[in-house]
Amino acid sequence: MADSWLPTLKTATPEDGFNLATKMSRMGVKVTQPSAEVRDKLRPGYADDADALIASSQVIAINFQTVAAANDYWK
């Protein structure tokens, strides 16, 4: 598992957990659209779209819930 980008959901702090949730969200986009060229071409279409940005924030929030639960909410 040394070459895995996601060896664990455990993080030291909630901030680290949020950063992991953000990375998970970005990796989800990469898996869905593996072409960096296509992603770059699509970016201007949603970069100024408030609904798209809110949807992205929702995905991060859902991933953060998963990471927080895996870390027992850092108790």
N, C-alpha and C. Protein backbone atom coordinates (compact mmCIF):
# COMPACT_ATOMS: atom_id res chain seq x y z
N MET A 1 0.81 -1.20 0.00
CA MET A 1 0.00 0.00 0.00
C MET A 1 0.85 1.26 0.00
N ALA A 2 2.14 1.15 -0.14
CA ALA A 2 3.04 2.29 -0.08
C ALA A 2 2.77 3.30 -1.19
N ASP A 3 2.29 2.84 -2.34
CA ASP A 3 2.05 3.77 -3.43
C ASP A 3 0.61 4.28 -3.46
N SER A 4 -0.17 3.95 -2.46
CA SER A 4 -1.55 4.41 -2.38
C SER A 4 -1.62 5.87 -1.98
N TRP A 5 -2.47 6.64 -2.63
CA TRP A 5 -2.63 8.04 -2.26
C TRP A 5 -3.51 8.17 -1.02
N LEU A 6 -4.20 7.09 -0.64
CA LEU A 6 -5.09 7.14 0.52
C LEU A 6 -4.85 5.92 1.41
N PRO A 7 -3.74 5.90 2.11
CA PRO A 7 -3.45 4.74 2.95
C PRO A 7 -4.32 4.67 4.21
N THR A 8 -4.87 5.80 4.64
CA THR A 8 -5.68 5.82 5.85
C THR A 8 -6.58 7.06 5.85
N LEU A 9 -7.65 6.97 6.61
CA LEU A 9 -8.51 8.13 6.85
C LEU A 9 -8.15 8.81 8.17
N LYS A 10 -7.23 8.24 8.90
CA LYS A 10 -6.84 8.80 10.19
C LYS A 10 -5.98 10.04 9.99
N THR A 11 -6.31 11.10 10.74
CA THR A 11 -5.53 12.33 10.69
C THR A 11 -5.32 12.83 12.12
N ALA A 12 -4.31 13.64 12.29
CA ALA A 12 -3.97 14.13 13.63
C ALA A 12 -4.94 15.20 14.13
N THR A 13 -5.45 16.01 13.22
CA THR A 13 -6.28 17.15 13.62
C THR A 13 -7.47 17.29 12.67
N PRO A 14 -8.50 18.01 13.11
CA PRO A 14 -9.61 18.29 12.19
C PRO A 14 -9.16 19.05 10.94
N GLU A 15 -8.19 19.96 11.08
CA GLU A 15 -7.72 20.68 9.90
C GLU A 15 -7.07 19.73 8.90
N ASP A 16 -6.27 18.79 9.40
CA ASP A 16 -5.70 17.77 8.52
C ASP A 16 -6.81 16.94 7.88
N GLY A 17 -7.85 16.68 8.66
CA GLY A 17 -8.99 15.94 8.14
C GLY A 17 -9.70 16.69 7.03
N PHE A 18 -9.84 17.99 7.20
CA PHE A 18 -10.47 18.81 6.16
C PHE A 18 -9.62 18.80 4.90
N ASN A 19 -8.30 18.90 5.07
CA ASN A 19 -7.40 18.86 3.91
C ASN A 19 -7.51 17.52 3.19
N LEU A 20 -7.65 16.44 3.96
CA LEU A 20 -7.82 15.12 3.35
C LEU A 20 -9.16 15.05 2.61
N ALA A 21 -10.21 15.59 3.20
CA ALA A 21 -11.52 15.59 2.55
C ALA A 21 -11.48 16.35 1.24
N THR A 22 -10.75 17.46 1.23
CA THR A 22 -10.60 18.24 0.00
C THR A 22 -9.85 17.44 -1.05
N LYS A 23 -8.79 16.76 -0.64
CA LYS A 23 -8.02 15.94 -1.58
C LYS A 23 -8.88 14.79 -2.12
N MET A 24 -9.67 14.17 -1.24
CA MET A 24 -10.56 13.10 -1.69
C MET A 24 -11.52 13.61 -2.75
N SER A 25 -12.04 14.80 -2.55
CA SER A 25 -12.98 15.39 -3.50
C SER A 25 -12.29 15.65 -4.84
N ARG A 26 -11.08 16.18 -4.79
CA ARG A 26 -10.33 16.45 -6.02
C ARG A 26 -9.99 15.15 -6.75
N MET A 27 -9.64 14.13 -5.99
CA MET A 27 -9.32 12.84 -6.61
C MET A 27 -10.56 12.23 -7.25
N GLY A 28 -11.73 12.47 -6.65
CA GLY A 28 -12.97 11.99 -7.25
C GLY A 28 -13.19 12.60 -8.63
N VAL A 29 -12.88 13.87 -8.77
CA VAL A 29 -12.99 14.53 -10.07
C VAL A 29 -12.00 13.91 -11.05
N LYS A 30 -10.79 13.66 -10.60
CA LYS A 30 -9.77 13.06 -11.47
C LYS A 30 -10.17 11.67 -11.95
N VAL A 31 -10.79 10.90 -11.08
CA VAL A 31 -11.24 9.56 -11.46
C VAL A 31 -12.38 9.66 -12.46
N THR A 32 -13.28 10.61 -12.22
CA THR A 32 -14.43 10.79 -13.10
C THR A 32 -14.00 11.30 -14.48
N GLN A 33 -13.06 12.25 -14.49
CA GLN A 33 -12.55 12.80 -15.75
C GLN A 33 -11.02 12.75 -15.70
N PRO A 34 -10.43 11.65 -16.17
CA PRO A 34 -8.99 11.47 -16.05
C PRO A 34 -8.15 12.41 -16.92
N SER A 35 -8.74 13.03 -17.90
CA SER A 35 -7.97 13.90 -18.79
C SER A 35 -7.80 15.29 -18.18
N ALA A 36 -6.55 15.64 -17.85
CA ALA A 36 -6.27 16.98 -17.32
C ALA A 36 -6.62 18.05 -18.35
N GLU A 37 -6.43 17.74 -19.61
CA GLU A 37 -6.75 18.70 -20.68
C GLU A 37 -8.25 19.00 -20.69
N VAL A 38 -9.07 17.99 -20.56
CA VAL A 38 -10.52 18.19 -20.54
C VAL A 38 -10.93 18.95 -19.28
N ARG A 39 -10.35 18.57 -18.14
CA ARG A 39 -10.69 19.28 -16.89
C ARG A 39 -10.33 20.76 -17.00
N ASP A 40 -9.18 21.06 -17.57
CA ASP A 40 -8.76 22.46 -17.74
C ASP A 40 -9.71 23.20 -18.68
N LYS A 41 -10.19 22.52 -19.71
CA LYS A 41 -11.10 23.15 -20.66
C LYS A 41 -12.46 23.42 -20.00
N LEU A 42 -12.89 22.54 -19.11
CA LEU A 42 -14.20 22.68 -18.46
C LEU A 42 -14.19 23.71 -17.32
N ARG A 43 -13.04 23.92 -16.73
CA ARG A 43 -12.95 24.78 -15.54
C ARG A 43 -13.59 26.17 -15.72
N PRO A 44 -13.35 26.88 -16.81
CA PRO A 44 -13.97 28.21 -16.94
C PRO A 44 -15.50 28.16 -16.89
N GLY A 45 -16.08 27.05 -17.28
CA GLY A 45 -17.53 26.93 -17.28
C GLY A 45 -18.15 26.88 -15.90
N TYR A 46 -17.38 26.43 -14.91
CA TYR A 46 -17.94 26.37 -13.56
C TYR A 46 -17.23 27.27 -12.56
N ALA A 47 -16.11 27.85 -12.94
CA ALA A 47 -15.33 28.66 -12.01
C ALA A 47 -16.10 29.85 -11.46
N ASP A 48 -16.99 30.40 -12.25
CA ASP A 48 -17.79 31.56 -11.82
C ASP A 48 -19.25 31.20 -11.58
N ASP A 49 -19.55 29.92 -11.48
CA ASP A 49 -20.92 29.45 -11.29
C ASP A 49 -21.13 29.15 -9.80
N ALA A 50 -21.90 29.99 -9.14
CA ALA A 50 -22.12 29.84 -7.69
C ALA A 50 -22.71 28.48 -7.35
N ASP A 51 -23.64 27.98 -8.14
CA ASP A 51 -24.25 26.68 -7.85
C ASP A 51 -23.22 25.56 -7.94
N ALA A 52 -22.34 25.62 -8.92
CA ALA A 52 -21.30 24.60 -9.06
C ALA A 52 -20.32 24.67 -7.89
N LEU A 53 -19.99 25.87 -7.45
CA LEU A 53 -19.06 26.02 -6.32
C LEU A 53 -19.69 25.53 -5.03
N ILE A 54 -20.98 25.79 -4.85
CA ILE A 54 -21.69 25.28 -3.67
C ILE A 54 -21.74 23.76 -3.71
N ALA A 55 -22.00 23.19 -4.87
CA ALA A 55 -22.02 21.73 -5.01
C ALA A 55 -20.66 21.14 -4.66
N SER A 56 -19.59 21.80 -5.09
CA SER A 56 -18.24 21.33 -4.74
C SER A 56 -18.02 21.36 -3.24
N SER A 57 -18.49 22.42 -2.60
CA SER A 57 -18.37 22.53 -1.15
C SER A 57 -19.15 21.42 -0.44
N GLN A 58 -20.29 21.06 -1.01
CA GLN A 58 -21.09 19.98 -0.42
C GLN A 58 -20.36 18.65 -0.49
N VAL A 59 -19.69 18.39 -1.60
CA VAL A 59 -18.93 17.15 -1.74
C VAL A 59 -17.80 17.11 -0.70
N ILE A 60 -17.12 18.23 -0.53
CA ILE A 60 -16.06 18.28 0.47
C ILE A 60 -16.64 18.04 1.87
N ALA A 61 -17.78 18.65 2.15
CA ALA A 61 -18.41 18.47 3.47
C ALA A 61 -18.79 17.02 3.72
N ILE A 62 -19.30 16.35 2.72
CA ILE A 62 -19.65 14.92 2.87
C ILE A 62 -18.39 14.11 3.13
N ASN A 63 -17.33 14.38 2.39
CA ASN A 63 -16.07 13.67 2.63
C ASN A 63 -15.51 13.99 4.01
N PHE A 64 -15.67 15.23 4.46
CA PHE A 64 -15.21 15.59 5.80
C PHE A 64 -15.98 14.81 6.87
N GLN A 65 -17.27 14.62 6.67
CA GLN A 65 -18.05 13.81 7.61
C GLN A 65 -17.49 12.40 7.72
N THR A 66 -17.10 11.84 6.58
CA THR A 66 -16.53 10.50 6.56
C THR A 66 -15.21 10.46 7.32
N VAL A 67 -14.34 11.43 7.06
CA VAL A 67 -13.05 11.47 7.73
C VAL A 67 -13.24 11.71 9.23
N ALA A 68 -14.13 12.61 9.60
CA ALA A 68 -14.37 12.89 11.02
C ALA A 68 -14.86 11.63 11.74
N ALA A 69 -15.77 10.90 11.12
CA ALA A 69 -16.27 9.66 11.75
C ALA A 69 -15.14 8.65 11.90
N ALA A 70 -14.28 8.55 10.89
CA ALA A 70 -13.15 7.61 10.96
C ALA A 70 -12.17 7.98 12.07
N ASN A 71 -12.16 9.24 12.46
CA ASN A 71 -11.27 9.71 13.51
C ASN A 71 -11.98 9.89 14.84
N ASP A 72 -13.16 9.29 14.96
CA ASP A 72 -13.96 9.40 16.18
C ASP A 72 -14.11 10.86 16.58
N TYR A 73 -14.27 11.70 15.58
CA TYR A 73 -14.46 13.15 15.76
C TYR A 73 -13.35 13.78 16.62
N TRP A 74 -12.16 13.22 16.54
CA TRP A 74 -10.95 13.70 17.21
C TRP A 74 -11.14 13.85 18.73
N LYS A 75 -11.88 12.89 19.28
CA LYS A 75 -12.08 12.89 20.75
C LYS A 75 -10.83 12.44 21.46
